[in-house]
Structures are given as C-alpha cells and as structure tokens.
Amino acid sequence: MNGEEIGGFNALLGMELKGVVGDAYVVELAIGPQHLHVRGGVHGGVYLSLLDTVMARVSRAALGPGQYQPTLELKTNFLSAVQSGRIIATGRVISRTRRTCYAEGELISDQGQLLARGSATMIVVEARPAV
C-alpha cells in the first residue's frame, strides 16, 4: 500500500491503494456483489468514489502542512458497464495554481475496457481540526 492510510468509506468499498505510479495515483477494486446495482452492473456511485479518490490523492502531493484540498466540482462520463473482475483507477494532475488543482481520472477494467473518465477541481484551504 506504499504507506498510504485507508479507512472509513474507502475501506468500506474495499479500495486497494496502490499509490503513486509514475505521474499518476492508482487505486484498484476487486468487484464484489456489494458493488452491483439491481441490474447486475457496478453502481455509478462506486465509479464516482474511485475517481474522486484517485484525483484527490494525486492532488495532495503539493500540499503544505496544515492544508487540505476539498473537491469543488466533480464531473464523470460513464462509458461502459462491468459486472465482475477488477477496476483500475488512475488520477493525474493536469493543472495546479496556488489555490486550485484540476485533475483527471479514468477507470479501466482488468480486461482493458475504458469504463469511465472524470475530472475534478479542488481548492486549497487551511485544514480545520477534526471533530
């Protein structure tokens, strides 16, 4: 896991954090029955969660101490459905300024099928203490 912390919602979904690979952040997910909607495909919320996670994680690289980068906008194009196997999610920073970061991500099945593409804009803020 490259020393990456996983917990909460990401752990609940069963994400496997692979970490930084080249210029991208990679997460994998073994598809199980808990990820499927009533028609048998992976639920769109799983796609969104994987994309949000890889884009947020790759954007953290340039943050200073005490900074946090919440997502302002998240856009996803659902391109293909999958019912089993693994999903490989990759996220890359496309543009970064002092206050914002724009990242893109994609999901690919373990068979090489493009499942979804997404983009996110995040803003740099000072982290608030956890409650």
Protein backbone atom coordinates (compact mmCIF):
# COMPACT_ATOMS: atom_id res chain seq x y z
CA MET A 1 0.00 0.00 0.00
CA ASN A 2 3.02 2.31 -0.18
CA GLY A 3 2.41 3.50 3.39
CA GLU A 4 -0.94 5.03 2.43
CA GLU A 5 -3.66 5.11 5.02
CA ILE A 6 -7.03 3.61 4.18
CA GLY A 7 -10.07 3.80 6.35
CA GLY A 8 -13.65 4.92 6.53
CA PHE A 9 -15.62 4.91 3.31
CA ASN A 10 -12.71 3.83 1.08
CA ALA A 11 -12.12 0.79 3.30
CA LEU A 12 -15.84 0.03 3.30
CA LEU A 13 -15.82 -0.09 -0.52
CA GLY A 14 -12.74 -2.34 -0.47
CA MET A 15 -10.37 0.01 -2.31
CA GLU A 16 -6.74 -1.06 -2.57
CA LEU A 17 -4.46 2.00 -2.59
CA LYS A 18 -1.50 1.29 -4.86
CA GLY A 19 -0.06 4.78 -4.50
CA VAL A 20 1.90 6.90 -6.94
CA VAL A 21 2.94 5.12 -10.12
CA GLY A 22 4.84 7.48 -12.44
CA ASP A 23 2.82 10.69 -12.63
CA ALA A 24 -0.44 9.05 -11.54
CA TYR A 25 -2.10 7.80 -8.39
CA VAL A 26 -3.55 4.28 -8.69
CA VAL A 27 -6.36 2.54 -6.80
CA GLU A 28 -7.75 -0.90 -7.56
CA LEU A 29 -11.03 -2.54 -6.60
CA ALA A 30 -11.99 -6.22 -6.75
CA ILE A 31 -15.66 -6.18 -7.77
CA GLY A 32 -17.98 -7.99 -5.39
CA PRO A 33 -21.76 -8.34 -5.08
CA GLN A 34 -21.86 -5.33 -2.73
CA HIS A 35 -20.72 -3.09 -5.62
CA LEU A 36 -23.54 -4.04 -8.00
CA HIS A 37 -26.88 -2.35 -8.66
CA VAL A 38 -30.10 -4.33 -9.14
CA ARG A 39 -29.40 -4.91 -12.86
CA GLY A 40 -26.04 -6.53 -12.12
CA GLY A 41 -23.53 -3.83 -13.10
CA VAL A 42 -21.20 -1.86 -10.86
CA HIS A 43 -23.14 1.04 -9.31
CA GLY A 44 -22.28 4.51 -10.62
CA GLY A 45 -21.55 5.64 -7.07
CA VAL A 46 -18.65 3.17 -6.97
CA TYR A 47 -17.28 4.68 -10.20
CA LEU A 48 -17.60 8.20 -8.75
CA SER A 49 -15.94 7.19 -5.49
CA LEU A 50 -12.97 5.62 -7.26
CA LEU A 51 -12.50 8.66 -9.49
CA ASP A 52 -12.84 11.14 -6.61
CA THR A 53 -10.32 9.17 -4.57
CA VAL A 54 -7.58 8.95 -7.23
CA MET A 55 -7.94 12.58 -8.25
CA ALA A 56 -7.90 13.81 -4.64
CA ARG A 57 -4.94 11.61 -3.70
CA VAL A 58 -2.80 12.68 -6.67
CA SER A 59 -3.56 16.34 -5.96
CA ARG A 60 -2.31 16.10 -2.36
CA ALA A 61 1.33 15.81 -3.43
CA ALA A 62 1.99 19.57 -3.45
CA LEU A 63 0.04 20.48 -0.31
CA GLY A 64 1.84 22.18 2.55
CA PRO A 65 1.50 21.30 6.23
CA GLY A 66 -1.96 22.12 7.56
CA GLN A 67 -3.52 22.34 4.10
CA TYR A 68 -6.49 20.42 2.78
CA GLN A 69 -7.94 20.23 -0.73
CA PRO A 70 -11.70 19.61 -0.84
CA THR A 71 -13.37 18.91 -4.17
CA LEU A 72 -15.30 21.88 -5.58
CA GLU A 73 -16.54 20.20 -8.74
CA LEU A 74 -16.63 16.59 -9.92
CA LYS A 75 -17.67 15.51 -13.40
CA THR A 76 -17.92 11.95 -14.66
CA ASN A 77 -18.70 10.35 -18.00
CA PHE A 78 -19.92 6.77 -17.65
CA LEU A 79 -18.71 4.94 -20.76
CA SER A 80 -19.13 1.21 -20.13
CA ALA A 81 -20.58 -1.19 -17.60
CA VAL A 82 -18.75 -4.02 -15.89
CA GLN A 83 -20.08 -6.83 -13.70
CA SER A 84 -17.01 -8.67 -12.41
CA GLY A 85 -13.22 -8.64 -12.20
CA ARG A 86 -11.17 -5.66 -11.13
CA ILE A 87 -11.33 -1.93 -11.77
CA ILE A 88 -8.08 0.03 -12.05
CA ALA A 89 -8.46 3.75 -11.32
CA THR A 90 -5.77 6.29 -12.21
CA GLY A 91 -5.67 10.02 -11.50
CA ARG A 92 -3.33 12.72 -12.80
CA VAL A 93 -2.88 16.41 -12.06
CA ILE A 94 -3.43 18.44 -15.22
CA SER A 95 -3.08 21.97 -13.82
CA ARG A 96 -2.20 23.44 -10.44
CA THR A 97 -2.18 27.01 -9.19
CA ARG A 98 -1.51 28.39 -5.73
CA ARG A 99 -5.21 27.99 -4.81
CA THR A 100 -6.65 25.31 -7.10
CA CYS A 101 -5.89 21.97 -8.68
CA TYR A 102 -7.53 20.42 -11.75
CA ALA A 103 -7.16 16.65 -12.09
CA GLU A 104 -8.45 13.97 -14.43
CA GLY A 105 -9.04 10.29 -13.83
CA GLU A 106 -10.09 7.17 -15.64
CA LEU A 107 -11.36 3.72 -14.79
CA ILE A 108 -10.31 0.68 -16.78
CA SER A 109 -11.41 -2.92 -16.31
CA ASP A 110 -8.82 -5.65 -15.87
CA GLN A 111 -9.74 -6.61 -19.46
CA GLY A 112 -8.61 -3.18 -20.74
CA GLN A 113 -12.10 -1.72 -21.26
CA LEU A 114 -12.47 2.03 -20.59
CA LEU A 115 -15.31 2.32 -18.06
CA ALA A 116 -15.40 6.00 -17.11
CA ARG A 117 -13.49 9.28 -17.25
CA GLY A 118 -13.75 12.11 -14.81
CA SER A 119 -12.39 15.50 -13.85
CA ALA A 120 -12.27 17.42 -10.60
CA THR A 121 -11.44 20.90 -9.43
CA MET A 122 -10.16 21.23 -5.86
CA ILE A 123 -9.39 24.28 -3.76
CA VAL A 124 -6.57 24.66 -1.23
CA VAL A 125 -7.77 25.61 2.26
CA GLU A 126 -6.31 25.51 5.73
CA ALA A 127 -7.32 22.27 7.45
CA ARG A 128 -9.78 22.54 10.33
CA PRO A 129 -9.26 20.39 13.41
CA ALA A 130 -11.10 17.05 13.23
CA VAL A 131 -14.17 16.80 15.45
